[in-house]
Protein backbone atom coordinates (compact mmCIF):
# COMPACT_ATOMS: atom_id res chain seq x y z
CA MET A 1 0.00 0.00 0.00
CA GLN A 2 1.37 3.41 -0.95
CA VAL A 3 0.89 6.78 0.71
CA ASP A 4 -1.30 8.17 -2.07
CA HIS A 5 -3.69 5.22 -1.66
CA LEU A 6 -4.76 6.71 1.64
CA LEU A 7 -5.75 9.91 -0.15
CA ARG A 8 -8.03 7.92 -2.47
CA LEU A 9 -9.98 6.33 0.38
CA ASP A 10 -13.12 8.47 0.48
CA ARG A 11 -14.12 7.24 3.92
CA LEU A 12 -10.95 8.75 5.46
CA ASP A 13 -11.33 12.17 3.81
CA LEU A 14 -7.60 12.96 4.12
CA SER A 15 -6.09 15.99 2.40
CA LEU A 16 -2.65 16.46 0.90
CA VAL A 17 -0.82 19.37 2.57
CA TRP A 18 2.54 18.75 0.97
CA GLY A 19 4.24 15.97 -0.95
CA ASP A 20 5.47 15.18 -4.44
CA GLU A 21 4.80 12.14 -6.60
CA ALA A 22 7.94 10.31 -5.45
CA LEU A 23 7.08 10.67 -1.77
CA LEU A 24 3.43 9.73 -2.28
CA GLY A 25 4.48 6.61 -4.15
CA GLN A 26 6.39 5.17 -1.16
CA GLU A 27 5.20 1.87 0.31
CA ILE A 28 3.71 1.96 3.83
CA GLY A 29 5.25 -0.57 6.19
CA GLY A 30 3.30 0.21 9.35
CA VAL A 31 1.64 2.84 11.55
CA THR A 32 2.77 4.63 14.72
CA ALA A 33 0.73 7.20 16.64
CA THR A 34 2.70 9.59 18.84
CA ASP A 35 2.69 13.06 20.39
CA LEU A 36 6.22 12.88 21.78
CA GLU A 37 8.51 15.76 20.89
CA ASP A 38 11.22 13.28 19.83
CA PRO A 39 9.64 9.97 18.73
CA ALA A 40 12.70 8.66 16.84
CA ARG A 41 13.39 5.68 19.13
CA PHE A 42 9.84 4.35 18.65
CA LEU A 43 9.75 4.51 14.85
CA GLN A 44 10.54 1.91 12.18
CA PRO A 45 11.52 2.65 8.57
CA GLY A 46 8.54 2.77 6.19
CA GLU A 47 5.98 3.75 8.79
CA ILE A 48 3.47 6.57 8.64
CA VAL A 49 3.26 8.68 11.79
CA LEU A 50 -0.07 9.84 13.23
CA SER A 51 0.14 12.88 15.49
CA GLY A 52 -2.51 15.04 17.14
CA LEU A 53 0.10 17.84 17.42
CA VAL A 54 -0.43 18.15 21.18
CA TRP A 55 3.29 18.90 21.46
CA TRP A 56 2.98 21.98 19.21
CA ALA A 57 1.99 25.50 20.34
CA ARG A 58 1.41 28.64 18.30
CA ASP A 59 3.77 30.71 20.44
CA GLY A 60 6.27 27.86 20.91
CA ASP A 61 9.83 27.42 19.65
CA PRO A 62 9.88 26.81 15.83
CA ALA A 63 12.96 24.68 16.36
CA LYS A 64 10.76 22.13 18.17
CA THR A 65 8.79 21.59 14.96
CA ASP A 66 11.96 21.15 12.94
CA ARG A 67 13.35 18.62 15.46
CA PHE A 68 10.12 16.58 15.34
CA VAL A 69 10.07 16.32 11.56
CA SER A 70 13.82 15.72 11.42
CA ALA A 71 13.37 12.74 13.76
CA LEU A 72 10.74 11.30 11.40
CA SER A 73 13.01 11.73 8.40
CA GLU A 74 16.03 10.13 10.08
CA ALA A 75 13.93 7.18 11.25
CA GLY A 76 12.73 6.56 7.68
CA ALA A 77 9.05 7.51 8.17
CA VAL A 78 7.28 7.85 4.81
CA ALA A 79 4.61 10.39 5.86
CA LEU A 80 3.24 12.46 8.69
CA LEU A 81 -0.53 12.50 9.16
CA ALA A 82 -1.33 15.55 11.26
CA GLY A 83 -4.64 15.82 13.11
CA GLU A 84 -6.53 19.09 12.64
CA GLU A 85 -8.79 18.77 15.69
CA THR A 86 -6.40 20.27 18.31
CA HIS A 87 -5.50 23.48 16.44
CA GLY A 88 -8.21 23.61 13.76
CA GLU A 89 -5.65 23.32 10.95
CA VAL A 90 -2.20 22.01 10.01
CA PRO A 91 0.37 24.67 11.04
CA ALA A 92 2.24 26.36 8.20
CA GLU A 93 5.59 25.91 9.94
CA LEU A 94 4.95 22.14 10.06
CA MET A 95 4.46 22.18 6.29
CA ASP A 96 7.72 24.13 5.87
CA ALA A 97 9.60 21.62 8.03
CA CYS A 98 8.18 18.65 6.06
CA ARG A 99 9.18 20.29 2.79
CA SER A 100 12.67 20.92 4.14
CA HIS A 101 13.17 17.32 5.33
CA ARG A 102 11.15 15.76 2.44
CA VAL A 103 8.46 14.08 4.50
CA ALA A 104 4.99 13.87 2.95
CA LEU A 105 2.38 15.70 5.04
CA LEU A 106 -1.34 14.79 5.08
CA GLY A 107 -4.11 16.51 7.00
CA VAL A 108 -6.53 14.44 9.11
CA PRO A 109 -9.94 16.11 9.64
CA ALA A 110 -11.53 16.09 13.08
CA HIS A 111 -14.18 13.56 12.07
CA THR A 112 -11.60 10.92 11.03
CA SER A 113 -10.16 8.83 13.84
CA PHE A 114 -6.60 7.57 13.94
CA ARG A 115 -8.02 4.11 14.51
CA ALA A 116 -9.81 4.23 11.14
CA ILE A 117 -6.52 5.08 9.41
CA THR A 118 -4.66 2.31 11.23
CA GLU A 119 -7.32 -0.26 10.31
CA ALA A 120 -7.29 0.86 6.67
CA VAL A 121 -3.53 0.30 6.45
CA TYR A 122 -3.40 -3.07 8.20
CA LEU A 123 -6.47 -4.50 6.48
CA ARG A 124 -4.88 -3.64 3.13
CA GLN A 125 -1.58 -5.19 4.19
CA TRP A 126 -3.34 -8.32 5.41
CA GLY A 127 -4.96 -8.69 2.01
CA GLU A 128 -1.63 -8.28 0.24
CA LEU A 129 -0.01 -11.02 2.33
CA SER A 130 -2.23 -13.58 0.61
CA ARG A 131 -0.94 -12.65 -2.85
CA ARG A 132 0.91 -15.84 -3.76
CA PRO A 133 1.03 -17.88 -6.98
CA THR A 134 -1.90 -20.09 -5.90
CA ASP A 135 -5.66 -20.01 -6.28
CA HIS A 136 -5.61 -17.13 -3.75
CA TYR A 137 -3.25 -15.00 -5.82
CA ALA A 138 -4.58 -11.43 -6.08
CA LEU A 139 -3.98 -8.58 -8.47
CA PRO A 140 -0.60 -6.89 -7.95
CA GLU A 141 -0.88 -3.55 -6.25
CA ASN A 142 0.39 -1.59 -9.25
CA VAL A 143 -2.16 -3.28 -11.51
CA ARG A 144 -4.95 -2.54 -9.07
CA VAL A 145 -3.90 1.11 -8.90
CA ASP A 146 -3.76 1.40 -12.71
CA LEU A 147 -7.21 -0.18 -12.97
CA ASP A 148 -8.69 2.17 -10.37
CA ARG A 149 -7.29 5.15 -12.22
CA ALA A 150 -8.54 3.88 -15.57
CA LEU A 151 -11.98 3.34 -14.07
CA GLU A 152 -12.02 6.86 -12.63
CA ARG A 153 -11.28 8.44 -16.00
CA GLY A 154 -14.00 6.40 -17.70
CA ALA A 155 -11.89 3.93 -19.68
CA PRO A 156 -13.94 1.54 -21.88
CA PRO A 157 -14.26 -2.11 -20.77
CA GLY A 158 -11.87 -3.38 -23.45
CA GLU A 159 -9.07 -1.22 -22.06
CA LEU A 160 -9.87 -2.38 -18.53
CA LEU A 161 -9.57 -6.02 -19.61
CA ASP A 162 -6.20 -5.43 -21.28
CA LEU A 163 -4.88 -3.67 -18.18
CA ALA A 164 -6.21 -6.39 -15.86
CA PHE A 165 -4.71 -9.32 -17.77
CA ALA A 166 -1.46 -7.73 -19.01
CA HIS A 167 0.63 -9.14 -16.12
CA LEU A 168 -0.66 -12.64 -17.02
CA GLY A 169 0.42 -12.33 -20.65
CA THR A 170 -2.95 -10.97 -21.84
CA PRO A 171 -4.80 -14.27 -22.40
CA ALA A 172 -7.88 -14.23 -24.62
CA CYS A 173 -10.86 -13.03 -22.62
CA HIS A 174 -14.35 -12.01 -23.72
CA LEU A 175 -16.92 -9.92 -21.88
CA LEU A 176 -20.21 -11.32 -23.20
CA SER A 177 -23.88 -10.63 -22.63
CA GLY A 178 -26.32 -13.44 -21.95
CA SER A 179 -27.53 -13.27 -25.57
CA GLY A 180 -24.02 -13.64 -27.00
CA ARG A 181 -23.23 -9.99 -27.71
CA THR A 182 -19.54 -9.17 -27.29
CA VAL A 183 -19.38 -6.17 -24.94
CA ALA A 184 -15.57 -6.11 -24.94
CA ARG A 185 -12.57 -8.39 -25.42
CA THR A 186 -8.84 -8.37 -24.90
CA THR A 187 -6.68 -7.57 -27.93
CA THR A 188 -5.70 -11.24 -28.16
CA ALA A 189 -9.27 -12.55 -28.23
CA PRO A 190 -10.88 -13.41 -31.59
CA GLU A 191 -14.28 -12.13 -32.65
CA LEU A 192 -17.19 -14.34 -31.62
CA PRO A 193 -20.48 -14.44 -33.56
CA PRO A 194 -23.47 -14.30 -31.16
CA GLN A 195 -24.54 -17.91 -31.72
CA ARG A 196 -21.05 -19.21 -31.03
CA ALA A 197 -20.71 -16.92 -28.00
CA VAL A 198 -23.90 -18.35 -26.47
CA GLU A 199 -22.65 -21.89 -27.09
CA THR A 200 -19.35 -20.90 -25.45
CA LEU A 201 -21.09 -19.56 -22.34
CA ARG A 202 -23.18 -22.71 -21.99
CA GLY A 203 -20.36 -25.12 -22.77
CA ARG A 204 -18.20 -26.91 -20.26
CA HIS A 205 -14.86 -25.60 -21.41
CA GLY A 206 -13.01 -22.59 -20.06
CA THR A 207 -13.83 -20.35 -17.11
CA THR A 208 -16.89 -18.11 -16.85
CA VAL A 209 -17.57 -15.50 -14.17
CA ARG A 210 -20.86 -13.62 -13.97
CA ILE A 211 -20.62 -9.88 -13.33
CA GLU A 212 -22.77 -8.77 -10.41
CA ALA A 213 -24.99 -5.87 -11.51
CA ASP A 214 -28.61 -4.77 -11.76
CA ASP A 215 -29.38 -6.74 -14.90
CA SER A 216 -31.67 -9.35 -16.42
CA ALA A 217 -31.14 -12.79 -17.91
CA PHE A 218 -30.90 -11.15 -21.34
CA ASP A 219 -28.29 -8.45 -20.75
CA ALA A 220 -26.24 -9.98 -17.90
CA TRP A 221 -22.47 -9.74 -18.43
CA TYR A 222 -20.02 -12.66 -18.21
CA LEU A 223 -16.23 -12.81 -18.22
CA HIS A 224 -15.14 -15.85 -20.21
CA LEU A 225 -11.66 -17.32 -20.70
CA PRO A 226 -11.58 -20.20 -23.22
CA GLU A 227 -9.09 -22.27 -21.21
CA ASP A 228 -9.05 -23.29 -17.55
CA GLY A 229 -6.22 -22.13 -15.32
CA GLN A 230 -5.30 -19.01 -17.30
CA ALA A 231 -5.94 -16.79 -14.26
CA PRO A 232 -6.28 -17.61 -10.54
CA PRO A 233 -9.88 -17.48 -9.24
CA ARG A 234 -9.20 -14.57 -6.90
CA ILE A 235 -7.84 -12.45 -9.75
CA LEU A 236 -10.93 -13.23 -11.85
CA HIS A 237 -13.12 -12.30 -8.90
CA GLU A 238 -11.34 -8.95 -8.52
CA ILE A 239 -11.55 -8.23 -12.25
CA GLY A 240 -15.22 -9.17 -12.18
CA GLU A 241 -15.82 -6.72 -9.33
CA LEU A 242 -14.03 -3.99 -11.27
CA VAL A 243 -16.13 -4.62 -14.40
CA GLY A 244 -19.23 -4.61 -12.20
CA ARG A 245 -18.27 -1.17 -10.89
CA HIS A 246 -17.79 0.00 -14.46
CA ARG A 247 -21.27 -1.20 -15.39
CA ARG A 248 -22.95 0.34 -12.36
CA ARG A 249 -21.32 3.68 -13.16
CA GLN A 250 -22.43 3.35 -16.76
CA ASP A 251 -25.99 2.63 -15.64
CA ARG A 252 -25.99 5.70 -13.41
CA ARG A 253 -24.72 7.89 -16.25
CA THR A 254 -27.41 6.63 -18.61
CA ALA A 255 -30.29 7.08 -16.14
CA PRO A 256 -31.28 10.52 -17.59
CA ARG A 257 -31.20 9.01 -21.08
CA ARG A 258 -33.60 6.26 -19.98
CA GLN A 259 -36.01 8.90 -18.70
CA ALA A 260 -35.84 10.70 -22.06
CA GLN A 261 -36.54 7.40 -23.85
CA GLU A 262 -39.57 6.77 -21.67
CA GLY A 263 -40.83 10.24 -22.56
CA LEU A 264 -40.41 9.60 -26.28
CA VAL A 265 -42.21 6.25 -26.14
CA GLY A 266 -45.01 7.87 -24.16
CA ARG A 267 -45.46 10.55 -26.83
CA VAL A 268 -45.44 8.01 -29.66
CA CYS A 269 -48.06 5.91 -27.86
CA ALA A 270 -50.30 8.87 -26.99
CA ALA A 271 -53.56 8.95 -28.90
CA TYR A 272 -53.14 12.66 -29.59
CA GLY A 273 -50.18 14.98 -29.39
CA ASP A 274 -48.40 17.80 -31.14
CA VAL A 275 -45.72 16.99 -33.68
CA ASN A 276 -43.41 19.62 -32.20
CA GLY A 277 -43.44 17.82 -28.86
CA LEU A 278 -42.66 14.53 -30.61
CA GLU A 279 -39.76 16.11 -32.47
CA GLU A 280 -38.41 17.55 -29.22
CA ALA A 281 -38.63 14.12 -27.59
CA LEU A 282 -36.70 12.62 -30.51
CA ARG A 283 -34.07 15.34 -30.12
CA SER A 284 -33.66 14.62 -26.40
CA CYS A 285 -32.89 11.00 -27.31
CA GLY A 286 -30.48 11.93 -30.11
CA LEU A 287 -32.82 10.54 -32.78
CA ASP A 288 -33.84 13.78 -34.49
CA ALA A 289 -33.27 14.49 -38.20
CA ALA A 290 -32.95 10.79 -39.03
CA PRO A 291 -33.62 9.75 -42.66
CA ALA A 292 -35.97 6.96 -41.53
CA TYR A 293 -37.59 5.46 -38.44
CA THR A 294 -38.88 1.99 -37.57
CA VAL A 295 -41.03 1.06 -34.58
CA VAL A 296 -40.72 -2.29 -32.84
CA VAL A 297 -43.17 -3.58 -30.22
CA ALA A 298 -42.18 -6.58 -28.08
CA ALA A 299 -44.20 -8.59 -25.59
CA SER A 300 -43.51 -11.30 -23.06
CA GLY A 301 -46.43 -13.68 -22.89
CA GLY A 302 -44.99 -16.24 -20.51
CA SER A 303 -43.76 -16.46 -16.96
CA GLY A 304 -41.21 -13.64 -17.19
CA ASP A 305 -41.08 -10.46 -15.16
CA ARG A 306 -42.77 -7.23 -16.15
CA GLY A 307 -39.47 -5.89 -17.48
CA ASP A 308 -38.64 -8.95 -19.59
CA ALA A 309 -39.89 -7.48 -22.85
CA ALA A 310 -38.08 -4.16 -22.36
CA ALA A 311 -34.80 -5.81 -21.35
CA ALA A 312 -35.00 -8.33 -24.19
CA LEU A 313 -35.89 -5.72 -26.81
CA ALA A 314 -33.09 -3.35 -25.75
CA GLU A 315 -30.56 -6.18 -25.78
CA ALA A 316 -31.72 -7.37 -29.22
CA LEU A 317 -31.33 -3.86 -30.62
CA ARG A 318 -27.82 -3.54 -29.18
CA HIS A 319 -26.89 -6.29 -31.61
CA GLN A 320 -27.93 -3.98 -34.49
CA LYS A 321 -24.68 -2.06 -34.96
CA PRO A 322 -25.71 0.64 -37.50
CA VAL A 323 -28.96 1.48 -35.71
CA THR A 324 -29.55 3.93 -32.83
CA PHE A 325 -32.71 3.52 -30.79
CA ALA A 326 -34.79 4.49 -27.78
CA ALA A 327 -36.67 1.75 -25.92
CA ALA A 328 -38.89 1.66 -22.85
CA ALA A 329 -41.36 -0.60 -21.07
CA LEU A 330 -45.03 0.09 -21.70
CA GLY A 331 -47.66 -1.59 -19.57
CA GLU A 332 -47.60 -5.17 -18.42
CA GLY A 333 -45.10 -7.29 -20.35
CA GLU A 334 -44.83 -4.93 -23.34
CA ALA A 335 -42.08 -2.66 -24.65
CA VAL A 336 -41.76 -0.19 -27.53
CA ALA A 337 -38.63 0.94 -29.38
CA VAL A 338 -38.10 3.69 -31.94
CA LEU A 339 -35.16 3.08 -34.28
CA ALA A 340 -33.41 5.79 -36.30
CA HIS A 341 -31.47 4.62 -39.34
CA GLU A 342 -30.62 5.11 -42.98
CA PRO A 343 -33.39 4.01 -45.36
CA GLY A 344 -31.46 0.90 -46.41
CA PRO A 345 -30.67 -0.62 -42.99
CA GLY A 346 -34.28 -0.19 -41.89
CA ALA A 347 -35.34 -2.96 -44.24
CA GLU A 348 -32.78 -5.26 -42.57
CA VAL A 349 -34.11 -4.75 -39.03
CA PRO A 350 -36.62 -7.64 -39.08
CA ALA A 351 -34.04 -10.06 -40.48
CA ARG A 352 -31.45 -9.09 -37.88
CA LEU A 353 -33.97 -9.33 -35.08
CA ARG A 354 -34.97 -12.79 -36.27
CA GLU A 355 -31.33 -13.89 -36.09
CA VAL A 356 -30.84 -12.88 -32.47
CA TRP A 357 -34.37 -13.46 -31.14
CA PRO A 358 -33.95 -17.22 -30.51
CA LEU A 359 -30.78 -16.45 -28.53
CA LEU A 360 -32.75 -14.07 -26.32
CA HIS A 361 -35.57 -16.55 -25.88
CA ALA A 362 -33.06 -19.20 -24.82
CA CYS A 363 -31.92 -16.94 -21.97
CA ARG A 364 -35.37 -17.36 -20.41
CA PRO A 365 -37.50 -19.85 -22.36
CA GLY A 366 -40.60 -19.23 -20.22
CA ALA A 367 -40.78 -15.60 -21.34
CA ALA A 368 -42.44 -16.48 -24.71
CA LEU A 369 -41.06 -13.40 -26.45
CA HIS A 370 -42.69 -11.97 -29.56
CA ALA A 371 -42.04 -8.82 -31.55
CA GLY A 372 -43.77 -6.86 -34.30
CA VAL A 373 -41.86 -4.57 -36.67
CA SER A 374 -43.33 -1.68 -38.66
CA ASP A 375 -42.37 -0.57 -42.14
CA PRO A 376 -39.86 2.34 -42.19
CA VAL A 377 -41.38 5.83 -42.10
CA ARG A 378 -39.72 9.13 -43.05
CA ARG A 379 -41.45 11.68 -40.79
CA PRO A 380 -41.85 11.89 -37.00
CA ALA A 381 -45.55 12.55 -37.58
CA ASP A 382 -45.85 9.03 -39.05
CA LEU A 383 -44.51 7.27 -35.94
CA ARG A 384 -47.97 6.70 -34.46
CA GLY A 385 -49.04 4.95 -37.65
CA ALA A 386 -45.85 2.87 -37.52
CA LEU A 387 -46.71 1.92 -33.93
CA ALA A 388 -50.12 0.65 -35.07
CA GLN A 389 -48.40 -1.43 -37.78
CA ALA A 390 -45.93 -2.92 -35.29
CA ARG A 391 -48.71 -3.83 -32.86
CA TYR A 392 -50.70 -5.48 -35.62
CA ALA A 393 -47.63 -7.48 -36.63
CA LEU A 394 -47.04 -8.41 -32.98
CA GLU A 395 -50.51 -9.91 -32.71
CA GLY A 396 -49.78 -11.90 -35.85
CA ALA A 397 -46.59 -13.23 -34.27
CA ARG A 398 -48.50 -14.24 -31.14
CA SER A 399 -51.21 -16.05 -33.05
CA THR A 400 -48.86 -18.11 -35.23
CA ALA A 401 -46.25 -18.92 -32.55
CA PRO A 402 -48.02 -18.88 -29.17
CA GLY A 403 -45.43 -21.02 -27.40
CA ALA A 404 -42.25 -19.95 -29.16
CA ALA A 405 -40.34 -16.78 -29.95
CA ARG A 406 -41.18 -15.01 -33.19
CA VAL A 407 -40.55 -11.69 -34.91
CA ALA A 408 -43.12 -10.58 -37.48
CA ARG A 409 -43.76 -7.62 -39.76
CA LEU A 410 -46.81 -6.55 -41.75
CA ALA A 411 -45.59 -8.41 -44.83
CA ASP A 412 -45.84 -11.64 -42.81
CA LEU A 413 -49.65 -11.28 -42.51
CA ALA A 414 -50.12 -13.73 -45.32
CA ASP A 415 -53.32 -15.53 -44.23
CA LEU A 416 -56.66 -14.94 -42.55
CA ARG A 417 -55.46 -16.18 -39.14
CA THR A 418 -52.64 -13.64 -38.85
CA LEU A 419 -54.84 -10.89 -40.26
CA LEU A 420 -57.51 -11.49 -37.62
CA ALA A 421 -54.90 -11.63 -34.86
CA GLY A 422 -54.47 -7.87 -35.18
CA VAL A 423 -58.17 -7.19 -34.66
CA PRO A 424 -58.94 -6.14 -31.05
CA ALA A 425 -60.09 -9.00 -28.85
CA ASP A 426 -63.45 -7.38 -28.02
CA VAL A 427 -64.20 -6.92 -31.74
CA ARG A 428 -63.36 -10.57 -32.42
CA ALA A 429 -65.62 -11.64 -29.56
CA VAL A 430 -68.59 -9.70 -30.96
CA TYR A 431 -68.04 -11.15 -34.44
CA LEU A 432 -67.78 -14.69 -33.05
CA ASP A 433 -71.03 -14.31 -31.12
CA THR A 434 -72.81 -12.80 -34.11
CA VAL A 435 -71.85 -15.55 -36.54
CA LEU A 436 -71.61 -18.66 -34.36
CA GLY A 437 -73.65 -17.60 -31.33
CA PRO A 438 -76.39 -20.23 -31.73
CA LEU A 439 -73.74 -22.96 -31.75
CA LEU A 440 -71.86 -21.54 -28.76
CA ARG A 441 -74.51 -20.45 -26.27
CA ALA A 442 -75.92 -23.81 -25.36
CA GLY A 443 -73.69 -26.19 -23.52
CA LYS A 444 -75.10 -29.25 -25.21
CA GLY A 445 -72.73 -31.86 -26.59
CA SER A 446 -74.49 -31.76 -29.95
CA HIS A 447 -73.37 -28.17 -30.49
CA ALA A 448 -69.74 -29.10 -29.79
CA THR A 449 -70.17 -31.89 -32.32
CA LEU A 450 -71.57 -29.43 -34.86
CA LEU A 451 -68.58 -27.08 -34.38
CA GLU A 452 -66.15 -29.95 -34.92
CA THR A 453 -67.99 -30.99 -38.06
CA LEU A 454 -67.93 -27.43 -39.39
CA GLU A 455 -64.16 -27.15 -38.85
CA VAL A 456 -63.41 -30.45 -40.55
CA PHE A 457 -65.84 -29.71 -43.41
CA LEU A 458 -64.16 -26.35 -44.16
CA ALA A 459 -60.67 -27.86 -43.73
CA HIS A 460 -61.52 -30.45 -46.40
CA ASN A 461 -62.79 -27.84 -48.88
CA CYS A 462 -66.41 -28.75 -48.18
CA SER A 463 -65.98 -32.31 -49.47
CA TRP A 464 -68.73 -34.56 -48.09
CA ALA A 465 -66.81 -37.79 -48.64
CA ARG A 466 -63.47 -36.62 -47.14
CA THR A 467 -65.26 -35.08 -44.16
CA ALA A 468 -67.16 -38.32 -43.50
CA GLU A 469 -63.89 -40.28 -43.74
CA ALA A 470 -62.04 -37.92 -41.38
CA LEU A 471 -64.83 -38.05 -38.79
CA HIS A 472 -65.52 -41.79 -39.28
CA LEU A 473 -69.16 -41.03 -40.13
CA HIS A 474 -71.62 -42.00 -42.82
CA VAL A 475 -71.89 -39.28 -45.46
CA ASN A 476 -75.61 -38.88 -44.69
CA THR A 477 -74.72 -37.95 -41.10
CA VAL A 478 -72.41 -35.24 -42.41
CA HIS A 479 -75.24 -33.91 -44.60
CA TYR A 480 -77.56 -33.82 -41.61
CA ARG A 481 -75.05 -31.93 -39.43
CA ILE A 482 -74.21 -29.36 -42.12
CA ASP A 483 -77.93 -28.74 -42.66
CA ARG A 484 -78.29 -28.09 -38.92
CA ILE A 485 -75.32 -25.67 -38.95
CA GLN A 486 -76.79 -23.74 -41.88
CA ALA A 487 -80.18 -23.54 -40.19
CA LEU A 488 -78.74 -22.28 -36.88
CA THR A 489 -76.28 -19.75 -38.37
CA GLY A 490 -78.30 -18.59 -41.35
CA ARG A 491 -75.26 -19.21 -43.61
CA ASP A 492 -75.27 -21.16 -46.86
CA LEU A 493 -72.13 -23.26 -47.17
CA SER A 494 -72.48 -23.44 -50.92
CA ARG A 495 -71.60 -19.71 -51.06
CA LEU A 496 -67.98 -18.57 -50.85
CA ASP A 497 -68.71 -15.44 -48.81
CA HIS A 498 -70.65 -17.46 -46.21
CA LYS A 499 -67.82 -20.01 -46.01
CA LEU A 500 -65.41 -17.16 -45.30
CA ASP A 501 -67.73 -15.77 -42.63
CA LEU A 502 -67.80 -19.09 -40.78
CA ARG A 503 -64.06 -19.72 -41.21
CA ALA A 504 -63.25 -16.25 -39.84
CA ALA A 505 -65.58 -16.80 -36.89
CA LEU A 506 -63.89 -20.10 -36.04
CA LEU A 507 -60.48 -18.34 -36.07
CA CYS A 508 -61.82 -15.69 -33.66
CA ARG A 509 -62.33 -18.20 -30.87
């Protein structure tokens, strides 16, 4: 532990009165507290000296101060920590004496106890004693200091990884998200496609450490080394803690941006609103003046948390390198994102989402994730229409893949089932009751039999013989049942429009 490390401990709140870089870089070997005028015989080389300055007086002999500091210098003390409580400050003549004898001088505020300083030094030294080339080997002190400094100045995670592993020969190491996105990697690590990254995380080879942070199954971070034994466990734990601090700081910095994104999504989803307000919301998210926009709506229909859809959608869009976006949760299990992009890349959004969507779903299979993607629009005023498109496509995705993950767009509404999926549930219920009400209201078994016959009859293109064969009935029985259906519903199954009415009603159930 070096002298300047004490200055970086926020809980001690020490101040530098005098000392240059060379003096502050000296290693601390121990601690002695004294208020003797001549403490030389009690000191050991490398110690810091804590003094309440009881021996000093404002009207005293200046030579006394010089003798005290000279004794510290001759004994090999690396710093003097002077308490400010007795005199309210560190005397100027003490600073002059320390400068003359080249002893670093730190001020100790009244609210910081000498015991707290002593414990800070010895706890740090105790930790350093366990740094041996075993499983308990810890980061060297100089590496830890460099990492702390890099973290303070906001270094990106890739630089942090290179600094952390440099003393081990910089082995290949990836920082991966749960969906296989490479957040960062050492300079020696190869690129990993998302699918391969996910397989790597779930494989049995190498070493993987999860980064502790406020995250979800979709965007959790993992340190992964492809081979076992490339770094001692304690070092990996320390590096993981450092990366976790980096992420928590990043999350705090982006909190205002998340609020702006929520505001934008709220304006897009509002039934009415001024275009100027929408444009201002886009500007606050850095999405203004974009050549094109696409809206994506995602939903979690399974056992996931309320924030599953928002976390999954944001993580999926982070895989889309050329696209900037704003995403936020909206209601129970739903999330909306607005993407800004060039006209060309917008057409690629559905395809790229489809590539990564199964990887997200595999992070939490019970979430049953679906997404709907709008066509690109050119004006902010058209975003509400794009939202309606995306929601319609989402309902189509839900109807065709209720138990699996799917991404859909309007162009995928290629049949009556997916078209009807976008119709509001209450509208579908009214239509179903209007067309098939007489068959549904009564709870008699005969009506259930009639519904089954109608479904099979329509599925077999209204063929009497194939329907009878499928239901293991005589063809006359089929004729009788179809006559009953026509009488109850008022539809004529020899007419195409009436067939479509009944088929649509069956799909609305």
